[in-house]
Structures are given as C-alpha cells and as structure tokens.
C-alpha cells in the first residue's frame, strides 16, 4: 500500500502543475479513473477504506484518518492545483476551494456509491469521465 500511496497521493510540484496545464480532458479523466479504480479494486486499499468508513464512528483516530485521506488531502490538493490554474488563466476566475468542492464531491459520492450499489465499474468510469468533461466545460477558460 505504501508504493500505491506514492502513486495515488498527488504531490504539488511545478512539474505536476505543468502536467495539468497541458492535460486534455481524456487524460485528466484517466488519471482520476486510475485513482478511483485503485480505491475500488485494490484489495488492501478497498478493505482499508471500508474499515475506516465503519470505524470512524467508534474511533477518533479512524475518523481523523478517514477525513485526512478521503476529504482534506484531496480537497487541499485540488484547491492548490485549481488556484494555480486560475492564476494561469486555464480556469475561470472564481473561488478555488468552492471549485474543488464542485469537482471532488461527485468523485467522492461515486466512490462510496460503488460500495452500496450494484453499479458496474464501467458505468462508474463513464459517469466519472462525463463529470470531468462537464466540469471543464463549465469552469475552463475557453478563451485561453
């Protein structure tokens, strides 16, 4: 899981920002599909995620970890990324944190929907790709 964590936790670096500046919608969608697939289908990651969901109600440490891994870290990362992309004119000028919430909330919902529904992974991938396409249509700076 440590190696996977290094792959799927996105550090903010100058190179990361440049990668996202030049990434098209399909590439962006694929990055998040890969992340999504990891948390759904990797046996250890999936069990760990489900354990945190259950234990967060009885263990303050589990609740802290759940919030850190699945809420705070992704939102912080995406907020920083969107702040830079807004400054560079790639996205419309708006509140980067609210934009991050708009981007990440459906991903979070779909991830946890998959645990309680019979939705096929291919259908989830399609929903995820559509979400990213619509998000970029709504928030992308078309003039640039």
Foldseek 3Di string as FASTA:
>chain_A
DVVVCVVQQDDDDPVVLVCVLPDDLVRVLVSLLVNLCCCCPVPVNVVLLVVLVVCVVPDVVSVVVNCVPQPVRQLVVQLVSVVVCCVVQFWPDDRSSVLSCLLRVVVSVLSVVVVVDPDDSVVSSVVSSVSSVVSCVVTTRVVD
